[in-house]
N, C-alpha and C. Protein backbone atom coordinates (compact mmCIF):
# COMPACT_ATOMS: atom_id res chain seq x y z
N MET A 1 139.69 156.65 7.17
CA MET A 1 138.88 155.46 6.93
C MET A 1 139.63 154.53 5.98
N VAL A 2 139.68 153.26 6.34
CA VAL A 2 140.38 152.27 5.54
C VAL A 2 139.49 151.85 4.38
N ARG A 3 140.08 151.72 3.22
CA ARG A 3 139.35 151.24 2.03
C ARG A 3 139.88 149.85 1.72
N TYR A 4 138.97 148.88 1.71
CA TYR A 4 139.34 147.50 1.42
C TYR A 4 139.06 147.20 -0.04
N SER A 5 139.87 146.33 -0.61
CA SER A 5 139.67 145.96 -2.02
C SER A 5 138.41 145.12 -2.17
N ASP A 6 137.86 145.13 -3.36
CA ASP A 6 136.68 144.32 -3.65
C ASP A 6 136.98 142.84 -3.48
N ASP A 7 138.18 142.42 -3.85
CA ASP A 7 138.56 141.01 -3.68
C ASP A 7 138.56 140.62 -2.21
N PHE A 8 139.09 141.49 -1.36
CA PHE A 8 139.12 141.22 0.07
C PHE A 8 137.70 141.13 0.61
N ARG A 9 136.85 142.06 0.21
CA ARG A 9 135.46 142.03 0.65
C ARG A 9 134.79 140.71 0.25
N ARG A 10 134.97 140.32 -1.01
CA ARG A 10 134.37 139.06 -1.47
C ARG A 10 134.88 137.87 -0.67
N GLU A 11 136.16 137.87 -0.37
CA GLU A 11 136.74 136.78 0.41
C GLU A 11 136.13 136.71 1.81
N VAL A 12 135.98 137.85 2.45
CA VAL A 12 135.42 137.91 3.79
C VAL A 12 133.95 137.50 3.78
N ILE A 13 133.20 137.99 2.81
CA ILE A 13 131.78 137.64 2.70
C ILE A 13 131.62 136.14 2.49
N ALA A 14 132.43 135.57 1.60
CA ALA A 14 132.35 134.13 1.35
C ALA A 14 132.68 133.35 2.62
N ALA A 15 133.69 133.78 3.34
CA ALA A 15 134.06 133.08 4.58
C ALA A 15 132.93 133.16 5.60
N ALA A 16 132.31 134.32 5.72
CA ALA A 16 131.22 134.49 6.69
C ALA A 16 130.03 133.62 6.31
N ARG A 17 129.74 133.51 5.03
CA ARG A 17 128.59 132.72 4.58
C ARG A 17 128.83 131.23 4.77
N GLN A 18 130.07 130.78 4.67
CA GLN A 18 130.38 129.36 4.75
C GLN A 18 130.67 128.89 6.18
N SER A 19 131.00 129.83 7.04
CA SER A 19 131.42 129.48 8.40
C SER A 19 130.23 129.22 9.31
N HIS A 20 130.45 128.36 10.26
CA HIS A 20 129.46 128.12 11.30
C HIS A 20 129.81 128.93 12.55
N GLU A 21 130.85 129.74 12.46
CA GLU A 21 131.27 130.58 13.57
C GLU A 21 130.46 131.86 13.59
N PRO A 22 130.38 132.50 14.75
CA PRO A 22 129.72 133.80 14.81
C PRO A 22 130.44 134.81 13.91
N ARG A 23 129.68 135.76 13.43
CA ARG A 23 130.25 136.78 12.55
C ARG A 23 131.40 137.52 13.22
N SER A 24 131.30 137.71 14.52
CA SER A 24 132.36 138.44 15.22
C SER A 24 133.69 137.69 15.14
N HIS A 25 133.64 136.36 15.15
CA HIS A 25 134.88 135.58 15.04
C HIS A 25 135.46 135.69 13.63
N VAL A 26 134.58 135.63 12.64
CA VAL A 26 135.04 135.76 11.25
C VAL A 26 135.67 137.13 11.06
N ALA A 27 135.02 138.16 11.56
CA ALA A 27 135.54 139.52 11.42
C ALA A 27 136.92 139.63 12.07
N ARG A 28 137.05 139.07 13.27
CA ARG A 28 138.33 139.13 13.98
C ARG A 28 139.43 138.44 13.19
N LYS A 29 139.11 137.29 12.58
CA LYS A 29 140.12 136.56 11.79
C LYS A 29 140.66 137.41 10.64
N PHE A 30 139.79 138.26 10.08
CA PHE A 30 140.20 139.08 8.95
C PHE A 30 140.65 140.48 9.36
N GLY A 31 140.61 140.76 10.64
CA GLY A 31 141.08 142.05 11.13
C GLY A 31 140.16 143.21 10.84
N ILE A 32 138.86 142.92 10.78
CA ILE A 32 137.88 143.99 10.57
C ILE A 32 136.89 143.98 11.73
N SER A 33 136.12 145.04 11.85
CA SER A 33 135.13 145.09 12.93
C SER A 33 133.89 144.28 12.54
N PRO A 34 133.20 143.74 13.53
CA PRO A 34 131.95 143.03 13.24
C PRO A 34 130.93 143.93 12.53
N ALA A 35 130.92 145.22 12.87
CA ALA A 35 129.99 146.15 12.22
C ALA A 35 130.30 146.26 10.72
N THR A 36 131.57 146.28 10.38
CA THR A 36 131.96 146.34 8.97
C THR A 36 131.49 145.08 8.25
N LEU A 37 131.70 143.93 8.85
CA LEU A 37 131.25 142.68 8.23
C LEU A 37 129.73 142.68 8.08
N ASN A 38 129.02 143.10 9.09
CA ASN A 38 127.56 143.16 9.00
C ASN A 38 127.11 144.10 7.88
N ASN A 39 127.78 145.23 7.74
CA ASN A 39 127.45 146.16 6.65
C ASN A 39 127.69 145.52 5.29
N TRP A 40 128.83 144.85 5.15
CA TRP A 40 129.14 144.21 3.87
C TRP A 40 128.13 143.13 3.54
N LEU A 41 127.75 142.33 4.54
CA LEU A 41 126.77 141.28 4.30
C LEU A 41 125.40 141.87 3.96
N SER A 42 125.02 142.93 4.64
CA SER A 42 123.74 143.59 4.34
C SER A 42 123.72 144.09 2.90
N GLU A 43 124.81 144.71 2.48
CA GLU A 43 124.90 145.20 1.10
C GLU A 43 124.85 144.03 0.12
N PHE A 44 125.59 142.97 0.44
CA PHE A 44 125.63 141.80 -0.44
C PHE A 44 124.24 141.21 -0.61
N TYR A 45 123.53 141.00 0.51
CA TYR A 45 122.20 140.40 0.43
C TYR A 45 121.19 141.33 -0.22
N ALA A 46 121.34 142.64 -0.06
CA ALA A 46 120.45 143.59 -0.73
C ALA A 46 120.62 143.51 -2.25
N GLU A 47 121.86 143.30 -2.69
CA GLU A 47 122.15 143.20 -4.12
C GLU A 47 121.89 141.80 -4.67
N ASN A 48 121.85 140.80 -3.79
CA ASN A 48 121.70 139.39 -4.19
C ASN A 48 120.67 138.70 -3.31
N PRO A 49 119.40 139.08 -3.41
CA PRO A 49 118.39 138.49 -2.51
C PRO A 49 118.26 136.97 -2.67
N GLU A 50 118.58 136.46 -3.85
CA GLU A 50 118.51 135.01 -4.04
C GLU A 50 119.55 134.29 -3.19
N GLU A 51 120.67 134.94 -2.92
CA GLU A 51 121.70 134.34 -2.07
C GLU A 51 121.25 134.33 -0.62
N LEU A 52 120.51 135.34 -0.21
CA LEU A 52 119.96 135.36 1.14
C LEU A 52 119.00 134.19 1.32
N GLU A 53 118.13 133.98 0.35
CA GLU A 53 117.19 132.86 0.44
C GLU A 53 117.93 131.53 0.42
N ALA A 54 118.98 131.42 -0.39
CA ALA A 54 119.77 130.19 -0.44
C ALA A 54 120.44 129.92 0.90
N ASP A 55 121.00 130.96 1.51
CA ASP A 55 121.63 130.79 2.82
C ASP A 55 120.60 130.41 3.87
N ASN A 56 119.44 131.06 3.82
CA ASN A 56 118.39 130.72 4.78
C ASN A 56 117.92 129.28 4.60
N ALA A 57 117.81 128.83 3.35
CA ALA A 57 117.40 127.45 3.09
C ALA A 57 118.43 126.47 3.66
N ARG A 58 119.71 126.76 3.47
CA ARG A 58 120.76 125.90 4.03
C ARG A 58 120.68 125.85 5.55
N LEU A 59 120.42 126.99 6.16
CA LEU A 59 120.31 127.02 7.62
C LEU A 59 119.09 126.25 8.11
N ARG A 60 117.98 126.35 7.39
CA ARG A 60 116.79 125.58 7.77
C ARG A 60 117.06 124.09 7.66
N GLU A 61 117.75 123.67 6.60
CA GLU A 61 118.09 122.25 6.43
C GLU A 61 119.00 121.77 7.55
N GLU A 62 120.00 122.58 7.88
CA GLU A 62 120.91 122.23 8.96
C GLU A 62 120.16 122.15 10.29
N HIS A 63 119.26 123.06 10.52
CA HIS A 63 118.46 123.05 11.75
C HIS A 63 117.62 121.77 11.83
N ALA A 64 116.99 121.39 10.73
CA ALA A 64 116.17 120.17 10.71
C ALA A 64 117.04 118.94 10.97
N ARG A 65 118.23 118.91 10.36
CA ARG A 65 119.14 117.78 10.57
C ARG A 65 119.55 117.69 12.03
N LEU A 66 119.85 118.83 12.64
CA LEU A 66 120.26 118.83 14.04
C LEU A 66 119.11 118.43 14.97
N ARG A 67 117.90 118.83 14.63
CA ARG A 67 116.74 118.43 15.43
C ARG A 67 116.55 116.91 15.37
N GLU A 68 116.72 116.33 14.18
CA GLU A 68 116.61 114.88 14.04
C GLU A 68 117.68 114.18 14.87
N GLU A 69 118.90 114.69 14.79
CA GLU A 69 119.99 114.10 15.55
C GLU A 69 119.71 114.21 17.06
N GLN A 70 119.20 115.33 17.47
CA GLN A 70 118.86 115.52 18.87
C GLN A 70 117.80 114.52 19.32
N GLU A 71 116.80 114.31 18.49
CA GLU A 71 115.73 113.37 18.82
C GLU A 71 116.28 111.94 18.93
N LYS A 72 117.17 111.56 18.02
CA LYS A 72 117.78 110.23 18.10
C LYS A 72 118.56 110.07 19.40
N LEU A 73 119.29 111.09 19.77
CA LEU A 73 120.06 111.02 21.02
C LEU A 73 119.15 110.93 22.23
N ARG A 74 118.05 111.65 22.21
CA ARG A 74 117.10 111.59 23.31
C ARG A 74 116.54 110.18 23.48
N LYS A 75 116.30 109.50 22.35
CA LYS A 75 115.78 108.12 22.42
C LYS A 75 116.83 107.17 22.97
N GLN A 76 118.10 107.44 22.69
CA GLN A 76 119.18 106.59 23.18
C GLN A 76 119.48 106.86 24.64
N LEU A 77 119.23 108.07 25.09
CA LEU A 77 119.54 108.47 26.46
C LEU A 77 118.25 108.90 27.17
N PRO A 78 117.55 107.95 27.74
CA PRO A 78 116.22 108.23 28.28
C PRO A 78 116.19 109.31 29.36
N TRP A 79 117.28 109.54 30.09
CA TRP A 79 117.25 110.54 31.14
C TRP A 79 117.24 111.96 30.59
N LEU A 80 117.40 112.13 29.28
CA LEU A 80 117.35 113.46 28.67
C LEU A 80 115.93 113.89 28.31
N ARG A 81 114.99 113.01 28.48
CA ARG A 81 113.61 113.33 28.07
C ARG A 81 112.99 114.31 28.98
């Protein structure tokens, strides 16, 4: 079993939290399995529940922004209604 340094784990977790890519892509970039990344993120969020809420809040804001943008585009392109 490979043992990764704490610094490497922190780097991967930070990249996964900031990326808009699927976790599997982030894991591949760092040469780890998606299951390993999911485990690390689960541990991180269990130890830092406030960070989970912060990430969820950012995702909700991004979702709302994208919904607004989608609605604007629908108004500009009537055949999308």
